[in-house]
Protein backbone atom coordinates (compact mmCIF):
# COMPACT_ATOMS: atom_id res chain seq x y z
CA UNK A 1 263.88 -178.57 -48.35
CA UNK A 2 264.27 -177.02 -45.33
CA UNK A 3 263.77 -178.34 -41.77
CA UNK A 4 261.42 -176.35 -39.16
CA UNK A 5 262.02 -175.81 -35.69
CA UNK A 6 260.20 -173.88 -33.31
CA UNK A 7 262.93 -171.81 -31.50
CA UNK A 8 260.58 -169.80 -29.31
CA UNK A 9 256.39 -169.27 -28.30
CA UNK A 10 255.93 -165.61 -28.95
CA UNK A 11 252.59 -165.83 -27.42
CA UNK A 12 254.55 -167.56 -23.68
CA UNK A 13 256.23 -164.83 -23.01
CA UNK A 14 255.76 -161.37 -21.20
CA UNK A 15 256.13 -158.56 -23.10
CA UNK A 16 255.54 -159.58 -25.21
CA UNK A 17 253.26 -157.57 -28.13
CA UNK A 18 250.07 -158.69 -28.65
CA UNK A 19 250.51 -157.79 -32.59
CA UNK A 20 253.76 -158.27 -34.00
CA UNK A 21 254.94 -155.87 -37.02
CA UNK A 22 258.14 -157.20 -37.87
CA UNK A 23 261.24 -159.77 -36.50
CA UNK A 24 264.50 -158.99 -36.56
CA UNK A 25 267.00 -161.44 -35.60
CA UNK A 26 270.00 -159.11 -32.97
CA UNK A 27 272.83 -162.37 -32.82
CA UNK A 28 272.61 -165.61 -31.93
CA UNK A 29 270.14 -165.57 -29.16
CA UNK A 30 267.46 -163.13 -29.11
CA UNK A 31 265.65 -160.89 -31.38
CA UNK A 32 263.96 -157.51 -31.59
CA UNK A 33 260.32 -157.62 -32.01
CA UNK A 34 257.78 -154.05 -32.67
CA UNK A 35 254.90 -153.33 -33.22
CA UNK A 36 253.56 -149.70 -34.02
CA UNK A 37 250.25 -147.94 -33.51
CA UNK A 38 248.68 -147.39 -36.87
CA UNK A 39 249.21 -143.85 -36.66
CA UNK A 40 247.23 -143.98 -33.27
CA UNK A 41 244.06 -145.54 -34.73
CA UNK A 42 241.49 -147.95 -33.80
CA UNK A 43 239.07 -150.45 -34.99
CA UNK A 44 235.10 -150.28 -34.76
CA UNK A 45 232.81 -147.86 -33.17
CA UNK A 46 235.45 -146.51 -31.22
CA UNK A 47 237.13 -145.77 -33.79
CA UNK A 48 236.50 -141.75 -34.61
CA UNK A 49 234.31 -139.18 -31.51
CA UNK A 50 231.03 -137.84 -31.33
CA UNK A 51 232.30 -134.40 -33.56
CA UNK A 52 233.94 -137.08 -36.41
CA UNK A 53 237.20 -136.77 -34.06
CA UNK A 54 239.40 -139.26 -33.94
CA UNK A 55 240.19 -141.15 -30.56
CA UNK A 56 243.89 -141.49 -30.06
CA UNK A 57 243.96 -145.36 -29.21
CA UNK A 58 246.85 -145.13 -26.32
CA UNK A 59 249.25 -147.73 -27.87
CA UNK A 60 253.04 -146.68 -29.00
CA UNK A 61 255.55 -148.17 -31.47
CA UNK A 62 257.75 -150.29 -29.09
CA UNK A 63 260.90 -152.87 -29.68
CA UNK A 64 260.68 -155.51 -27.45
CA UNK A 65 264.15 -157.68 -27.11
CA UNK A 66 263.68 -160.98 -26.54
CA UNK A 67 266.55 -164.10 -25.51
CA UNK A 68 265.61 -167.03 -26.92
CA UNK A 69 266.11 -169.93 -24.81
CA UNK A 70 269.23 -171.71 -27.12
CA UNK A 71 270.65 -169.97 -30.01
CA UNK A 72 269.84 -170.08 -33.43
């Protein structure tokens, strides 16, 4: 069995998106995190207006880079 070790708690890092879709290792001490805009859709009753048109969520697809406190 491989040992696991917490390197960073992304919930404590400023600027990290609330919904992380992907993680990639950039180098020994940096991660790239990506979220997506879910096609501009929101959940629940606010997803469509009174005419049945999609209400854009306003969420943009972003890539955020996080420098780790120590390399991996």
